[in-house]
Amino acid sequence: MTRRVVRKRSHGDGGIDQRGENTFRLRYRVNGKRFAKTFRGPLTEARKELRKLLKAKDDGLAVEPSKLTLAGWITLWIDSGAPGPKNKRKVGQRTLERYEQLLKEHVVPVLGATALQVLQASAIDKLYAGLDGKVIRDELAPRTARHVHTVFNACLGMAELKRLVAVNPMRFVGQIPNPNPGKPEAVDLEADDVDGADEVDEHDEGLSEAELKTLVTGFKPSSLYPIIVLAAATGARRNEVLALRWSDLDADKKTLRIERAWEHTKKFGLRLKPPKTERGRRSIDLDEATIAVLLAEKDRLQRIVAGVPDGVDVDLSLVKLPARALMFPALPEPGNGCVLTAPRVPRNVSKEFRRRADLLKFKGIKLHTLRGVHATALLDAGIGVHIVAKRIGDDPATLLRWYAKRKRTQAADTAVSAALTSLAAGFLGK
């Protein structure tokens, strides 16, 4: 007698139940869990939708249904430290606060109530169109609009990585905000002065040697003078310069170590932290003129500690500064002594720099601009991009992209002309 085998329908095939006119419940499983989705439309389209769900499961692209809103996911992402989908690392506290500000000011009010899993590229296009409108009306800086996109994309990219959405809808966005059309982007996405990062720098094209000399010399009457000299001579970030200690300087070897930077956050206030990346921890060669300016500043502080007036000839080598004495400590309040370990407020340093630069007819220039001026001068002189990037603590690829967008300087044209002359002389035998 032949035994009949009855094959049961696999759970993987899913199912469709009609719940009303052109309303169906689609039943399927993801990772062994049962799920149901309401679909409105004709039966033929309901079958197509079910096949899509099942194919996504077979392709490993299925995600468990969730009612999590975009605003809810943004909060979770920020609370987790805003890791990127590529490097999977938390960002610094100051950067985290900036990310939260950008998303909650520009994205959440428009799209926050939207369920994360149904967010469409068309909705993001409308968001960006609104940002473009604000840019046109001068209500928003172009670079801020671009930063919104950068952070929003990272946020949605992590949602895709964590399987909260099948695909990052940002992949299908029609056009992203353009930062400063026709102008180069800054060397760093996160500029040292976050509050001023969105301002257009009229000197983005750089400064000539004569202009730089006029600017730096104009600061001689100011206590900022040695800070400006060091920033221009090293390309170091403002918060790195202000965190330097005298123990970081080796005057005999003419080197300066950069091992820390100041960070100002709402949560922790002003605190020291390691450099932004491993590239940031570096040793920089100094020239004799810059060292002379630094040693003069050290002499000034030693006289303050010893109570020796200017002009009195004494052996300052006997005056020891505290081990953690800063190169550029906070200026003493009236009636108070100088505390060499007390930091200057970075934001105030930037404001004072801009004020004095404006008086010197360098309107709009920022302290951060000196970083780009330094890198440009070295690259124009033919120094290799990897050497320059190592010196300023940046990524060579980022530095090269930034440099390629800048307007060519006279020094660069002269260097090209000299190189071509030498090349031609070589192969023409002249």
Protein backbone atom coordinates (compact mmCIF):
# COMPACT_ATOMS: atom_id res chain seq x y z
CA MET A 1 0.00 0.00 0.00
CA THR A 2 1.42 3.40 -1.02
CA ARG A 3 1.51 5.99 1.72
CA ARG A 4 0.49 9.57 0.70
CA VAL A 5 2.80 12.37 1.92
CA VAL A 6 1.11 15.67 2.63
CA ARG A 7 3.46 18.64 2.40
CA LYS A 8 2.70 21.39 4.86
CA ARG A 9 2.92 24.98 3.68
CA SER A 10 6.20 26.58 4.81
CA HIS A 11 6.01 29.52 7.18
CA GLY A 12 8.48 31.21 4.83
CA ASP A 13 5.78 31.50 2.16
CA GLY A 14 3.84 34.01 4.27
CA GLY A 15 0.11 34.55 3.96
CA ILE A 16 -2.58 37.06 3.04
CA ASP A 17 -5.85 37.62 4.89
CA GLN A 18 -8.50 39.95 3.53
CA ARG A 19 -9.67 42.41 6.21
CA GLY A 20 -12.01 44.50 4.09
CA GLU A 21 -12.46 45.90 0.63
CA ASN A 22 -8.96 46.31 -0.83
CA THR A 23 -7.50 45.89 2.66
CA PHE A 24 -5.29 42.91 3.44
CA ARG A 25 -3.14 41.66 6.28
CA LEU A 26 0.23 40.32 5.14
CA ARG A 27 1.69 37.66 7.42
CA TYR A 28 5.39 36.79 7.34
CA ARG A 29 8.34 35.88 9.55
CA VAL A 30 11.71 37.55 10.19
CA ASN A 31 14.33 35.65 12.18
CA GLY A 32 11.65 33.25 13.40
CA LYS A 33 9.36 36.03 14.66
CA ARG A 34 5.87 36.50 13.29
CA PHE A 35 4.92 39.86 11.85
CA ALA A 36 1.91 41.32 10.11
CA LYS A 37 1.51 44.35 7.89
CA THR A 38 -1.67 46.02 6.74
CA PHE A 39 -1.77 46.72 3.02
CA ARG A 40 -4.37 48.79 1.21
CA GLY A 41 -4.83 48.16 -2.48
CA PRO A 42 -5.87 45.40 -4.88
CA LEU A 43 -5.02 41.78 -4.18
CA THR A 44 -2.46 41.65 -7.01
CA GLU A 45 -0.51 44.51 -5.43
CA ALA A 46 -0.81 42.91 -1.99
CA ARG A 47 0.80 39.76 -3.40
CA LYS A 48 3.61 41.84 -4.88
CA GLU A 49 4.19 43.53 -1.54
CA LEU A 50 4.33 40.18 0.24
CA ARG A 51 6.86 38.90 -2.30
CA LYS A 52 8.99 42.00 -1.64
CA LEU A 53 8.94 41.31 2.09
CA LEU A 54 9.86 37.67 1.58
CA LYS A 55 12.62 38.52 -0.90
CA ALA A 56 14.07 41.05 1.54
CA LYS A 57 14.14 38.30 4.15
CA ASP A 58 15.85 35.87 1.75
CA ASP A 59 18.40 38.55 0.76
CA GLY A 60 19.14 39.31 4.39
CA LEU A 61 17.72 42.83 4.05
CA ALA A 62 14.59 42.38 6.13
CA VAL A 63 14.18 44.45 9.26
CA GLU A 64 11.78 43.97 12.10
CA PRO A 65 8.82 46.36 11.91
CA SER A 66 9.09 49.23 14.35
CA LYS A 67 7.12 52.36 15.23
CA LEU A 68 10.28 54.20 16.26
CA THR A 69 10.12 57.80 15.05
CA LEU A 70 13.01 59.68 13.51
CA ALA A 71 13.13 61.96 16.56
CA GLY A 72 13.31 58.89 18.80
CA TRP A 73 16.16 57.41 16.79
CA ILE A 74 18.07 60.72 16.79
CA THR A 75 17.84 60.77 20.59
CA LEU A 76 19.11 57.18 20.81
CA TRP A 77 21.93 57.92 18.39
CA ILE A 78 23.07 61.02 20.27
CA ASP A 79 22.83 59.19 23.62
CA SER A 80 25.08 56.44 22.23
CA GLY A 81 27.77 58.98 21.30
CA ALA A 82 26.81 59.49 17.62
CA PRO A 83 29.11 56.78 16.20
CA GLY A 84 29.58 56.87 12.43
CA PRO A 85 28.61 53.91 10.23
CA LYS A 86 32.19 53.64 8.95
CA ASN A 87 34.51 54.22 11.90
CA LYS A 88 31.95 53.10 14.53
CA ARG A 89 33.54 55.41 17.11
CA LYS A 90 31.93 57.88 19.46
CA VAL A 91 32.64 61.54 18.79
CA GLY A 92 33.95 64.04 21.33
CA GLN A 93 31.55 65.75 23.71
CA ARG A 94 31.86 69.12 21.96
CA THR A 95 31.18 67.55 18.57
CA LEU A 96 28.29 65.57 20.05
CA GLU A 97 26.64 68.74 21.33
CA ARG A 98 27.07 70.34 17.90
CA TYR A 99 25.46 67.30 16.20
CA GLU A 100 22.53 67.40 18.59
CA GLN A 101 22.06 71.12 17.98
CA LEU A 102 22.06 70.72 14.18
CA LEU A 103 19.57 67.84 14.16
CA LYS A 104 17.18 69.22 16.76
CA GLU A 105 17.11 72.70 15.25
CA HIS A 106 16.81 71.77 11.57
CA VAL A 107 15.63 68.15 11.20
CA VAL A 108 13.43 67.21 14.14
CA PRO A 109 10.91 70.07 13.74
CA VAL A 110 10.27 69.02 10.13
CA LEU A 111 10.65 65.22 10.10
CA GLY A 112 10.87 64.19 13.74
CA ALA A 113 7.35 62.72 13.95
CA THR A 114 7.90 60.53 10.86
CA ALA A 115 8.32 56.82 11.54
CA LEU A 116 11.96 55.97 10.87
CA GLN A 117 11.10 52.98 8.66
CA VAL A 118 8.82 54.96 6.35
CA LEU A 119 11.11 57.99 5.93
CA GLN A 120 11.45 58.64 2.20
CA ALA A 121 14.11 60.44 0.19
CA SER A 122 11.41 62.78 -1.14
CA ALA A 123 10.77 64.02 2.42
CA ILE A 124 14.50 64.70 2.87
CA ASP A 125 14.51 66.55 -0.47
CA LYS A 126 11.76 68.83 0.87
CA LEU A 127 13.76 69.38 4.07
CA TYR A 128 16.82 70.40 2.06
CA ALA A 129 14.72 72.65 -0.17
CA GLY A 130 13.61 74.43 3.00
CA LEU A 131 17.23 74.81 4.10
CA ASP A 132 18.14 76.20 0.66
CA GLY A 133 15.34 78.74 1.05
CA LYS A 134 16.78 79.87 4.39
CA VAL A 135 20.22 80.18 2.78
CA ILE A 136 18.80 82.36 -0.01
CA ARG A 137 17.08 84.58 2.56
CA ASP A 138 20.34 84.82 4.57
CA GLU A 139 18.69 83.08 7.51
CA LEU A 140 21.17 80.18 7.40
CA ALA A 141 24.82 79.88 6.38
CA PRO A 142 25.45 77.52 3.43
CA ARG A 143 28.08 75.64 5.42
CA THR A 144 25.59 75.02 8.23
CA ALA A 145 23.14 73.50 5.74
CA ARG A 146 25.91 71.17 4.53
CA HIS A 147 26.80 70.22 8.09
CA VAL A 148 23.15 69.31 8.69
CA HIS A 149 23.34 66.91 5.76
CA THR A 150 26.64 65.40 6.92
CA VAL A 151 25.33 64.69 10.41
CA PHE A 152 21.89 63.54 9.24
CA ASN A 153 23.48 61.14 6.76
CA ALA A 154 25.69 59.63 9.48
CA CYS A 155 22.64 59.25 11.75
CA LEU A 156 20.63 57.39 9.09
CA GLY A 157 23.68 55.38 8.05
CA MET A 158 23.97 53.99 11.57
CA ALA A 159 20.24 53.15 11.53
CA GLU A 160 20.87 51.08 8.40
CA LEU A 161 23.90 49.42 9.96
CA LYS A 162 21.84 48.44 13.02
CA ARG A 163 19.11 47.00 10.75
CA LEU A 164 16.51 49.53 11.89
CA VAL A 165 15.90 50.43 8.24
CA ALA A 166 16.48 48.28 5.19
CA VAL A 167 18.20 51.04 3.21
CA ASN A 168 19.41 54.51 4.09
CA PRO A 169 16.99 56.81 2.21
CA MET A 170 19.78 59.36 1.88
CA ARG A 171 21.09 57.26 -1.03
CA PHE A 172 18.17 58.42 -3.14
CA VAL A 173 18.19 62.12 -2.25
CA GLY A 174 18.22 64.30 -5.35
CA GLN A 175 20.54 67.11 -4.23
CA ILE A 176 22.45 67.84 -1.06
CA PRO A 177 23.19 71.32 0.33
CA ASN A 178 26.21 73.02 -1.23
CA PRO A 179 28.59 74.71 1.23
CA ASN A 180 29.86 78.09 0.07
CA PRO A 181 29.40 77.65 -3.71
CA GLY A 182 32.63 78.49 -5.48
CA LYS A 183 34.64 78.55 -2.25
CA PRO A 184 36.79 75.83 -0.63
CA GLU A 185 35.70 73.98 2.47
CA ALA A 186 37.72 74.28 5.64
CA VAL A 187 40.56 71.86 6.33
CA ASP A 188 38.56 70.38 9.20
CA LEU A 189 34.84 69.62 9.14
CA GLU A 190 34.80 70.56 12.81
CA ALA A 191 36.54 73.93 12.89
CA ASP A 192 38.18 74.95 16.16
CA ASP A 193 35.65 77.70 16.75
CA VAL A 194 32.27 76.01 16.37
CA ASP A 195 30.44 79.26 17.01
CA GLY A 196 32.24 80.90 14.15
CA ALA A 197 32.49 77.90 11.83
CA ASP A 198 29.58 79.11 9.73
CA GLU A 199 30.95 82.56 9.00
CA VAL A 200 32.37 83.17 5.55
CA ASP A 201 36.07 83.95 5.72
CA GLU A 202 36.92 86.66 3.22
CA HIS A 203 40.53 85.43 3.30
CA ASP A 204 39.76 81.83 2.32
CA GLU A 205 42.10 82.28 -0.64
CA GLY A 206 45.01 82.72 1.81
CA LEU A 207 47.43 85.52 2.62
CA SER A 208 50.57 86.55 0.78
CA GLU A 209 53.85 86.65 2.68
CA ALA A 210 53.62 90.45 2.88
CA GLU A 211 50.02 90.33 4.15
CA LEU A 212 50.90 87.73 6.77
CA LYS A 213 53.81 89.88 7.97
CA THR A 214 51.51 92.91 8.27
CA LEU A 215 48.95 90.90 10.20
CA VAL A 216 51.37 89.28 12.65
CA THR A 217 53.37 92.46 13.21
CA GLY A 218 50.17 94.32 13.94
CA PHE A 219 49.64 92.13 17.00
CA LYS A 220 52.95 93.05 18.66
CA PRO A 221 51.37 95.41 21.20
CA SER A 222 48.93 92.65 22.20
CA SER A 223 49.37 89.72 24.59
CA LEU A 224 48.11 87.61 21.67
CA TYR A 225 51.33 88.23 19.72
CA PRO A 226 53.20 85.01 20.68
CA ILE A 227 50.00 83.00 20.13
CA ILE A 228 49.60 84.42 16.63
CA VAL A 229 53.27 83.83 15.84
CA LEU A 230 53.08 80.20 16.92
CA ALA A 231 49.80 79.56 15.07
CA ALA A 232 51.23 81.00 11.85
CA ALA A 233 54.56 79.16 12.24
CA THR A 234 53.08 75.72 12.99
CA GLY A 235 49.55 75.51 11.56
CA ALA A 236 48.41 74.18 14.93
CA ARG A 237 44.77 74.52 15.95
CA ARG A 238 43.79 77.26 18.37
CA ASN A 239 42.82 74.82 21.13
CA GLU A 240 46.11 72.95 20.69
CA VAL A 241 48.16 76.15 20.98
CA LEU A 242 46.34 77.28 24.11
CA ALA A 243 46.89 73.87 25.76
CA LEU A 244 50.67 73.92 25.31
CA ARG A 245 52.90 73.73 28.38
CA TRP A 246 56.49 74.86 28.64
CA SER A 247 57.43 71.22 29.16
CA ASP A 248 56.29 70.59 25.57
CA LEU A 249 59.06 72.82 24.18
CA ASP A 250 62.59 71.56 23.57
CA ALA A 251 64.43 74.74 22.63
CA ASP A 252 67.74 72.91 22.08
CA LYS A 253 66.25 70.41 19.61
CA LYS A 254 63.93 73.10 18.20
CA THR A 255 60.86 70.90 18.55
CA LEU A 256 57.40 71.30 20.02
CA ARG A 257 55.19 68.41 21.12
CA ILE A 258 51.42 68.61 20.73
CA GLU A 259 49.71 66.12 23.02
CA ARG A 260 46.49 67.76 24.15
CA ALA A 261 43.87 70.38 23.32
CA TRP A 262 41.19 72.33 25.15
CA GLU A 263 37.57 71.37 24.61
CA HIS A 264 34.61 73.46 25.73
CA THR A 265 31.28 71.67 26.18
CA LYS A 266 28.00 72.46 27.89
CA LYS A 267 28.27 69.27 29.94
CA PHE A 268 31.86 69.53 31.20
CA GLY A 269 32.84 73.14 30.59
CA LEU A 270 36.48 73.73 29.60
CA ARG A 271 38.63 70.62 29.89
CA LEU A 272 41.75 69.07 28.37
CA LYS A 273 41.47 66.15 25.98
CA PRO A 274 43.80 64.22 23.67
CA PRO A 275 44.07 65.48 20.07
CA LYS A 276 41.08 64.85 17.79
CA THR A 277 42.85 61.94 16.07
CA GLU A 278 46.08 59.97 16.44
CA ARG A 279 47.50 62.23 13.74
CA GLY A 280 47.01 65.12 16.13
CA ARG A 281 49.61 63.78 18.59
CA ARG A 282 52.79 64.96 16.92
CA SER A 283 56.14 66.72 17.19
CA ILE A 284 56.73 69.90 15.18
CA ASP A 285 60.03 71.42 14.12
CA LEU A 286 60.38 75.12 14.93
CA ASP A 287 62.53 77.85 13.40
CA GLU A 288 64.89 79.99 15.46
CA ALA A 289 62.82 83.16 15.13
CA THR A 290 59.71 81.46 16.54
CA ILE A 291 61.71 79.91 19.37
CA ALA A 292 63.08 83.37 20.22
CA VAL A 293 59.54 84.73 20.52
CA LEU A 294 58.55 81.83 22.80
CA LEU A 295 61.61 82.18 25.02
CA ALA A 296 60.91 85.90 25.37
CA GLU A 297 57.41 85.03 26.56
CA LYS A 298 58.86 82.49 29.00
CA ASP A 299 61.22 85.16 30.37
CA ARG A 300 58.25 87.46 30.89
CA LEU A 301 56.40 84.81 32.91
CA GLN A 302 59.51 83.98 34.94
CA ARG A 303 59.87 87.67 35.87
CA ILE A 304 56.24 87.71 36.99
CA VAL A 305 56.77 84.61 39.16
CA ALA A 306 60.00 85.98 40.66
CA GLY A 307 58.64 89.51 41.02
CA VAL A 308 61.51 90.94 38.94
CA PRO A 309 60.68 94.10 36.96
CA ASP A 310 61.49 94.40 33.27
CA GLY A 311 64.97 95.74 32.59
CA VAL A 312 66.52 94.29 35.76
CA ASP A 313 69.36 91.93 34.84
CA VAL A 314 68.96 88.62 36.71
CA ASP A 315 69.66 84.95 36.01
CA LEU A 316 66.16 83.73 35.09
CA SER A 317 67.38 80.14 34.71
CA LEU A 318 67.08 79.90 38.49
CA VAL A 319 63.37 80.70 38.32
CA LYS A 320 61.39 77.48 37.94
CA LEU A 321 57.89 77.49 36.51
CA PRO A 322 55.26 74.98 37.69
CA ALA A 323 55.42 71.62 35.91
CA ARG A 324 52.01 72.21 34.33
CA ALA A 325 52.57 75.87 33.55
CA LEU A 326 50.85 76.87 30.32
CA MET A 327 52.68 78.80 27.64
CA PHE A 328 49.76 81.19 27.33
CA PRO A 329 47.89 81.26 30.65
CA ALA A 330 44.88 83.40 31.44
CA LEU A 331 45.59 87.07 31.97
CA PRO A 332 45.41 87.98 35.68
CA GLU A 333 42.36 89.78 36.98
CA PRO A 334 42.97 93.25 38.48
CA GLY A 335 44.34 92.82 41.99
CA ASN A 336 45.06 89.10 41.53
CA GLY A 337 48.27 87.30 40.76
CA CYS A 338 49.01 85.37 37.57
CA VAL A 339 48.07 81.68 37.79
CA LEU A 340 50.22 79.94 35.19
CA THR A 341 48.01 76.86 35.05
CA ALA A 342 44.77 78.79 34.45
CA PRO A 343 43.70 78.60 30.77
CA ARG A 344 42.57 81.39 28.53
CA VAL A 345 39.02 81.01 27.25
CA PRO A 346 39.47 79.91 23.61
CA ARG A 347 36.35 81.70 22.39
CA ASN A 348 37.54 84.98 23.89
CA VAL A 349 40.91 84.58 22.18
CA SER A 350 39.15 84.19 18.82
CA LYS A 351 36.98 87.25 19.46
CA GLU A 352 39.98 89.38 20.40
CA PHE A 353 41.84 88.16 17.31
CA ARG A 354 38.98 89.16 15.03
CA ARG A 355 38.62 92.56 16.68
CA ARG A 356 42.27 93.42 16.23
CA ALA A 357 42.41 91.90 12.73
CA ASP A 358 39.50 94.13 11.71
CA LEU A 359 41.43 97.18 12.96
CA LEU A 360 44.37 96.03 10.82
CA LYS A 361 42.09 95.98 7.73
CA PHE A 362 41.86 92.16 7.65
CA LYS A 363 38.11 92.18 8.02
CA GLY A 364 36.50 88.76 8.37
CA ILE A 365 39.71 86.79 8.94
CA LYS A 366 39.67 84.15 11.69
CA LEU A 367 42.43 82.70 13.83
CA HIS A 368 41.72 79.33 12.20
CA THR A 369 42.68 80.89 8.84
CA LEU A 370 46.35 80.87 9.89
CA ARG A 371 46.22 77.08 9.82
CA GLY A 372 45.33 77.15 6.13
CA VAL A 373 47.86 79.89 5.40
CA HIS A 374 50.62 77.75 6.94
CA ALA A 375 49.62 74.64 4.97
CA THR A 376 49.35 76.63 1.74
CA ALA A 377 52.80 78.17 2.15
CA LEU A 378 54.43 74.76 2.65
CA LEU A 379 52.57 73.13 -0.24
CA ASP A 380 53.35 76.06 -2.55
CA ALA A 381 57.01 75.63 -1.60
CA GLY A 382 56.91 72.06 -2.89
CA ILE A 383 56.79 70.27 0.48
CA GLY A 384 55.07 66.89 0.09
CA VAL A 385 51.42 66.73 1.10
CA HIS A 386 52.07 63.84 3.52
CA ILE A 387 54.76 65.87 5.29
CA VAL A 388 52.52 68.93 5.56
CA ALA A 389 49.57 66.84 6.74
CA LYS A 390 51.72 65.21 9.42
CA ARG A 391 52.92 68.62 10.58
CA ILE A 392 49.43 70.10 10.99
CA GLY A 393 47.91 66.83 12.25
CA ASP A 394 45.47 66.28 9.40
CA ASP A 395 44.54 63.60 6.89
CA PRO A 396 46.60 63.89 3.66
CA ALA A 397 43.57 63.17 1.44
CA THR A 398 41.50 65.87 3.16
CA LEU A 399 44.36 68.36 2.92
CA LEU A 400 44.87 67.61 -0.77
CA ARG A 401 41.17 68.05 -1.60
CA TRP A 402 41.11 71.35 0.28
CA TYR A 403 44.30 72.62 -1.38
CA ALA A 404 43.07 71.69 -4.86
CA LYS A 405 40.01 73.94 -4.40
CA ARG A 406 41.95 77.02 -3.35
CA LYS A 407 42.80 79.82 -5.72
CA ARG A 408 46.37 79.49 -6.95
CA THR A 409 48.76 81.87 -5.24
CA GLN A 410 51.58 83.79 -6.89
CA ALA A 411 54.05 81.58 -5.02
CA ALA A 412 52.46 78.48 -6.51
CA ASP A 413 52.61 79.91 -10.05
CA THR A 414 56.27 80.84 -9.55
CA ALA A 415 57.08 77.34 -8.30
CA VAL A 416 55.31 75.76 -11.29
CA SER A 417 57.15 78.04 -13.70
CA ALA A 418 60.52 77.19 -12.13
CA ALA A 419 59.77 73.46 -12.21
CA LEU A 420 58.75 73.56 -15.87
CA THR A 421 61.88 75.53 -16.78
CA SER A 422 64.05 72.95 -15.01
CA LEU A 423 62.19 70.06 -16.65
CA ALA A 424 62.50 71.52 -20.13
CA ALA A 425 66.18 72.27 -19.61
CA GLY A 426 66.68 68.65 -18.64
CA PHE A 427 65.11 66.95 -21.64
CA LEU A 428 66.24 69.62 -24.13
CA GLY A 429 69.80 69.41 -22.88
CA LYS A 430 70.12 73.12 -22.16
